[in-house]
């Protein structure tokens, strides 16, 4: 009869901080930092450009507007050298959405 072994793995390290009213959660797995960051504080004044706290790996940025995941290169464009992103106002009038009450959450891989 085969023997089944249960292997438990330690939970990845998570670090939470609030830097200037920006909530950041960092999960480190095998030396790679996965960042979740709330950029909602930056919606004051209806900007279309947002700045992340860390540089990120190109094509790793996911943007959520009021809980809805947006499409890269359709709804937003990465600005990895800034670091951050900008909304592409094609079909939406983002200035009406970003009235200071919008929720802007991003997830990305931190560039080392």
Foldseek 3Di string as FASTA:
>chain_A
DDDDDDDDDDAFDWDWDQDPNKTWIWTADPNWTKIKIKQLQVLAPNFQWTADPAQFDPPFKWKAKQRRTDDEPQQWDADRVRHTIGGDCDPHDSSVSSHSPIIIMMIGIGDD
